[in-house]
Amino acid sequence: MASTVSRFSRFFLKKNNGFGAHRSGGTTTIMVSNISSTSGGILPKPEKVPFGLIRMTAVVLPFLYVGTLISKNFAALLEEHDIFVPSDDDDDD
């Protein structure tokens, strides 16, 4: 079982997805190709996105609001057509 998992992980790491697994002796070294170039030089740091948190909030909040409106209107539609109406029998307390 462990050898199957090991073979699968090596196969997954050897695929052309930016990762490479190199086995030397008893250790496995994982190299990430987007940190270094093909000649071995270290690439410069990636650019930072300014206002990342503000941009994320500006995208997430409107979609949350629209999703809430859709679900509220759909629940009202279901109740109007008597497809889903909560029973009042459970309110004995």
N, C-alpha and C. Protein backbone atom coordinates (compact mmCIF):
# COMPACT_ATOMS: atom_id res chain seq x y z
N MET A 1 0.82 -1.19 0.00
CA MET A 1 0.00 0.00 0.00
C MET A 1 0.86 1.26 0.00
N ALA A 2 1.90 1.24 0.84
CA ALA A 2 2.77 2.41 0.92
C ALA A 2 3.54 2.62 -0.38
N SER A 3 3.94 1.52 -1.04
CA SER A 3 4.67 1.66 -2.30
C SER A 3 3.76 2.22 -3.39
N THR A 4 2.48 1.88 -3.36
CA THR A 4 1.53 2.42 -4.34
C THR A 4 1.37 3.92 -4.15
N VAL A 5 1.26 4.33 -2.90
CA VAL A 5 1.14 5.76 -2.61
C VAL A 5 2.41 6.49 -3.03
N SER A 6 3.56 5.87 -2.77
CA SER A 6 4.82 6.48 -3.15
C SER A 6 4.94 6.62 -4.66
N ARG A 7 4.55 5.57 -5.40
CA ARG A 7 4.60 5.64 -6.86
C ARG A 7 3.64 6.69 -7.40
N PHE A 8 2.45 6.76 -6.82
CA PHE A 8 1.48 7.74 -7.26
C PHE A 8 1.97 9.16 -7.00
N SER A 9 2.55 9.39 -5.81
CA SER A 9 3.04 10.74 -5.50
C SER A 9 4.20 11.12 -6.41
N ARG A 10 5.10 10.15 -6.72
CA ARG A 10 6.19 10.45 -7.64
C ARG A 10 5.67 10.77 -9.03
N PHE A 11 4.66 10.01 -9.48
CA PHE A 11 4.06 10.27 -10.79
C PHE A 11 3.41 11.65 -10.81
N PHE A 12 2.73 11.99 -9.73
CA PHE A 12 2.06 13.29 -9.66
C PHE A 12 3.09 14.42 -9.67
N LEU A 13 4.18 14.25 -8.95
CA LEU A 13 5.18 15.30 -8.88
C LEU A 13 5.99 15.41 -10.17
N LYS A 14 6.11 14.33 -10.92
CA LYS A 14 6.89 14.38 -12.16
C LYS A 14 6.11 14.94 -13.33
N LYS A 15 4.79 15.08 -13.17
CA LYS A 15 4.00 15.65 -14.25
C LYS A 15 4.46 17.07 -14.52
N ASN A 16 4.18 17.57 -15.68
CA ASN A 16 4.64 18.90 -16.07
C ASN A 16 3.72 19.97 -15.49
N ASN A 17 3.79 20.19 -14.19
CA ASN A 17 2.97 21.19 -13.54
C ASN A 17 3.79 22.15 -12.69
N GLY A 18 5.06 22.27 -12.99
CA GLY A 18 5.89 23.21 -12.26
C GLY A 18 6.65 22.58 -11.11
N PHE A 19 6.36 21.33 -10.78
CA PHE A 19 7.05 20.67 -9.70
C PHE A 19 7.87 19.53 -10.28
N GLY A 20 8.95 19.21 -9.63
CA GLY A 20 9.75 18.08 -10.05
C GLY A 20 10.28 17.36 -8.83
N ALA A 21 10.25 16.06 -8.82
CA ALA A 21 10.75 15.29 -7.70
C ALA A 21 12.05 14.63 -8.11
N HIS A 22 13.06 14.81 -7.32
CA HIS A 22 14.37 14.21 -7.57
C HIS A 22 14.72 13.35 -6.37
N ARG A 23 15.05 12.12 -6.65
CA ARG A 23 15.36 11.19 -5.56
C ARG A 23 16.86 10.92 -5.58
N SER A 24 17.49 11.17 -4.46
CA SER A 24 18.92 10.88 -4.33
C SER A 24 19.13 10.17 -3.00
N GLY A 25 19.55 8.92 -3.08
CA GLY A 25 19.75 8.14 -1.86
C GLY A 25 18.40 7.82 -1.24
N GLY A 26 18.21 8.19 0.00
CA GLY A 26 16.96 7.91 0.70
C GLY A 26 16.07 9.13 0.85
N THR A 27 16.48 10.27 0.27
CA THR A 27 15.68 11.49 0.43
C THR A 27 15.10 11.92 -0.90
N THR A 28 13.99 12.62 -0.84
CA THR A 28 13.35 13.15 -2.04
C THR A 28 13.38 14.67 -1.95
N THR A 29 13.91 15.30 -2.99
CA THR A 29 13.97 16.75 -3.04
C THR A 29 12.96 17.25 -4.04
N ILE A 30 12.14 18.20 -3.64
CA ILE A 30 11.13 18.76 -4.54
C ILE A 30 11.60 20.13 -4.99
N MET A 31 11.71 20.30 -6.31
CA MET A 31 12.14 21.58 -6.85
C MET A 31 10.95 22.25 -7.53
N VAL A 32 10.75 23.52 -7.27
CA VAL A 32 9.67 24.28 -7.90
C VAL A 32 10.28 25.12 -8.99
N SER A 33 9.79 24.98 -10.22
CA SER A 33 10.43 25.64 -11.35
C SER A 33 10.07 27.10 -11.49
N ASN A 34 9.05 27.59 -10.82
CA ASN A 34 8.71 28.99 -10.97
C ASN A 34 9.50 29.88 -10.01
N ILE A 35 10.44 29.33 -9.26
CA ILE A 35 11.33 30.11 -8.41
C ILE A 35 12.66 30.34 -9.11
N SER A 36 13.08 29.36 -9.90
CA SER A 36 14.36 29.50 -10.59
C SER A 36 14.15 29.31 -12.09
N SER A 37 15.03 29.90 -12.85
CA SER A 37 14.95 29.77 -14.31
C SER A 37 15.58 28.46 -14.74
N THR A 38 15.52 28.17 -16.03
CA THR A 38 16.10 26.92 -16.54
C THR A 38 17.61 26.90 -16.39
N SER A 39 18.25 28.07 -16.37
CA SER A 39 19.70 28.11 -16.21
C SER A 39 20.11 28.00 -14.75
N GLY A 40 19.14 28.07 -13.82
CA GLY A 40 19.46 27.94 -12.39
C GLY A 40 19.45 29.25 -11.65
N GLY A 41 19.26 30.36 -12.34
CA GLY A 41 19.21 31.65 -11.67
C GLY A 41 17.89 31.85 -10.94
N ILE A 42 17.95 32.59 -9.84
CA ILE A 42 16.75 32.86 -9.05
C ILE A 42 15.99 34.01 -9.71
N LEU A 43 14.70 33.80 -9.92
CA LEU A 43 13.85 34.82 -10.54
C LEU A 43 13.55 35.93 -9.55
N PRO A 44 13.24 37.14 -10.03
CA PRO A 44 12.90 38.23 -9.11
C PRO A 44 11.56 37.97 -8.42
N LYS A 45 11.34 38.68 -7.31
CA LYS A 45 10.09 38.53 -6.57
C LYS A 45 8.92 38.96 -7.44
N PRO A 46 7.77 38.30 -7.30
CA PRO A 46 6.59 38.70 -8.08
C PRO A 46 6.06 40.05 -7.59
N GLU A 47 5.34 40.72 -8.48
CA GLU A 47 4.77 42.01 -8.10
C GLU A 47 3.65 41.83 -7.11
N LYS A 48 3.57 42.74 -6.14
CA LYS A 48 2.49 42.70 -5.18
C LYS A 48 1.28 43.42 -5.75
N VAL A 49 0.11 42.88 -5.46
CA VAL A 49 -1.13 43.50 -5.91
C VAL A 49 -1.57 44.50 -4.85
N PRO A 50 -1.61 45.80 -5.19
CA PRO A 50 -2.04 46.76 -4.18
C PRO A 50 -3.54 46.64 -3.94
N PHE A 51 -3.95 46.93 -2.73
CA PHE A 51 -5.35 46.92 -2.31
C PHE A 51 -5.97 45.54 -2.51
N GLY A 52 -5.25 44.48 -2.22
CA GLY A 52 -5.75 43.13 -2.41
C GLY A 52 -6.98 42.84 -1.57
N LEU A 53 -6.95 43.24 -0.30
CA LEU A 53 -8.07 42.99 0.59
C LEU A 53 -9.29 43.82 0.19
N ILE A 54 -9.05 45.04 -0.24
CA ILE A 54 -10.16 45.90 -0.66
C ILE A 54 -10.79 45.36 -1.93
N ARG A 55 -9.98 44.90 -2.87
CA ARG A 55 -10.51 44.32 -4.11
C ARG A 55 -11.31 43.05 -3.82
N MET A 56 -10.80 42.22 -2.93
CA MET A 56 -11.51 41.00 -2.59
C MET A 56 -12.86 41.33 -1.95
N THR A 57 -12.89 42.29 -1.05
CA THR A 57 -14.13 42.70 -0.41
C THR A 57 -15.09 43.28 -1.43
N ALA A 58 -14.58 44.06 -2.38
CA ALA A 58 -15.44 44.68 -3.39
C ALA A 58 -16.06 43.63 -4.31
N VAL A 59 -15.45 42.47 -4.45
CA VAL A 59 -16.01 41.42 -5.28
C VAL A 59 -16.95 40.52 -4.47
N VAL A 60 -16.55 40.16 -3.26
CA VAL A 60 -17.31 39.19 -2.47
C VAL A 60 -18.62 39.76 -1.96
N LEU A 61 -18.62 40.96 -1.43
CA LEU A 61 -19.83 41.51 -0.81
C LEU A 61 -21.00 41.65 -1.78
N PRO A 62 -20.82 42.19 -2.99
CA PRO A 62 -21.99 42.25 -3.89
C PRO A 62 -22.55 40.88 -4.26
N PHE A 63 -21.69 39.89 -4.45
CA PHE A 63 -22.18 38.56 -4.79
C PHE A 63 -22.89 37.91 -3.60
N LEU A 64 -22.42 38.15 -2.38
CA LEU A 64 -23.14 37.66 -1.21
C LEU A 64 -24.52 38.30 -1.12
N TYR A 65 -24.60 39.61 -1.38
CA TYR A 65 -25.88 40.32 -1.32
C TYR A 65 -26.83 39.80 -2.39
N VAL A 66 -26.34 39.62 -3.61
CA VAL A 66 -27.19 39.11 -4.70
C VAL A 66 -27.65 37.69 -4.38
N GLY A 67 -26.78 36.86 -3.85
CA GLY A 67 -27.16 35.50 -3.47
C GLY A 67 -28.21 35.49 -2.38
N THR A 68 -28.10 36.41 -1.43
CA THR A 68 -29.11 36.51 -0.38
C THR A 68 -30.45 36.93 -0.95
N LEU A 69 -30.46 37.88 -1.86
CA LEU A 69 -31.71 38.32 -2.48
C LEU A 69 -32.36 37.19 -3.28
N ILE A 70 -31.56 36.45 -4.03
CA ILE A 70 -32.10 35.35 -4.82
C ILE A 70 -32.72 34.29 -3.91
N SER A 71 -32.03 33.90 -2.86
CA SER A 71 -32.56 32.88 -1.97
C SER A 71 -33.80 33.35 -1.23
N LYS A 72 -33.83 34.62 -0.84
CA LYS A 72 -35.02 35.16 -0.16
C LYS A 72 -36.22 35.16 -1.10
N ASN A 73 -36.02 35.60 -2.34
CA ASN A 73 -37.13 35.62 -3.30
C ASN A 73 -37.59 34.21 -3.67
N PHE A 74 -36.67 33.27 -3.77
CA PHE A 74 -37.04 31.90 -4.09
C PHE A 74 -37.81 31.26 -2.94
N ALA A 75 -37.41 31.56 -1.69
CA ALA A 75 -38.15 31.03 -0.54
C ALA A 75 -39.56 31.61 -0.50
N ALA A 76 -39.71 32.89 -0.83
CA ALA A 76 -41.04 33.50 -0.88
C ALA A 76 -41.88 32.87 -1.99
N LEU A 77 -41.27 32.56 -3.13
CA LEU A 77 -41.98 31.91 -4.23
C LEU A 77 -42.45 30.52 -3.84
N LEU A 78 -41.60 29.76 -3.16
CA LEU A 78 -41.98 28.43 -2.70
C LEU A 78 -43.13 28.49 -1.71
N GLU A 79 -43.07 29.46 -0.80
CA GLU A 79 -44.15 29.59 0.19
C GLU A 79 -45.44 30.05 -0.47
N GLU A 80 -45.36 30.89 -1.47
CA GLU A 80 -46.54 31.39 -2.17
C GLU A 80 -47.26 30.27 -2.90
N HIS A 81 -46.53 29.35 -3.46
CA HIS A 81 -47.13 28.24 -4.20
C HIS A 81 -47.35 27.01 -3.33
N ASP A 82 -47.23 27.15 -2.04
CA ASP A 82 -47.43 26.08 -1.05
C ASP A 82 -46.57 24.85 -1.33
N ILE A 83 -45.39 25.07 -1.88
CA ILE A 83 -44.47 23.96 -2.11
C ILE A 83 -43.73 23.64 -0.82
N PHE A 84 -43.32 24.67 -0.14
CA PHE A 84 -42.66 24.48 1.15
C PHE A 84 -43.24 25.51 2.10
N VAL A 85 -44.04 25.04 3.02
CA VAL A 85 -44.62 25.92 4.04
C VAL A 85 -44.32 25.29 5.39
N PRO A 86 -43.62 26.01 6.24
CA PRO A 86 -43.32 25.43 7.56
C PRO A 86 -44.61 25.22 8.35
N SER A 87 -44.68 24.12 9.06
CA SER A 87 -45.90 23.83 9.82
C SER A 87 -45.90 24.64 11.11
N ASP A 88 -47.09 25.06 11.50
CA ASP A 88 -47.25 25.86 12.73
C ASP A 88 -47.50 24.97 13.93
N ASP A 89 -47.53 23.65 13.76
CA ASP A 89 -47.83 22.74 14.86
C ASP A 89 -46.68 22.65 15.85
N ASP A 90 -45.48 22.99 15.43
CA ASP A 90 -44.31 22.87 16.30
C ASP A 90 -44.17 24.02 17.29
N ASP A 91 -45.05 25.00 17.23
CA ASP A 91 -44.94 26.19 18.09
C ASP A 91 -45.77 26.04 19.36
N ASP A 92 -45.76 24.89 20.00
CA ASP A 92 -46.55 24.66 21.21
C ASP A 92 -45.92 25.27 22.45
N ASP A 93 -44.64 25.54 22.43
CA ASP A 93 -43.94 26.05 23.63
C ASP A 93 -44.25 27.48 23.89
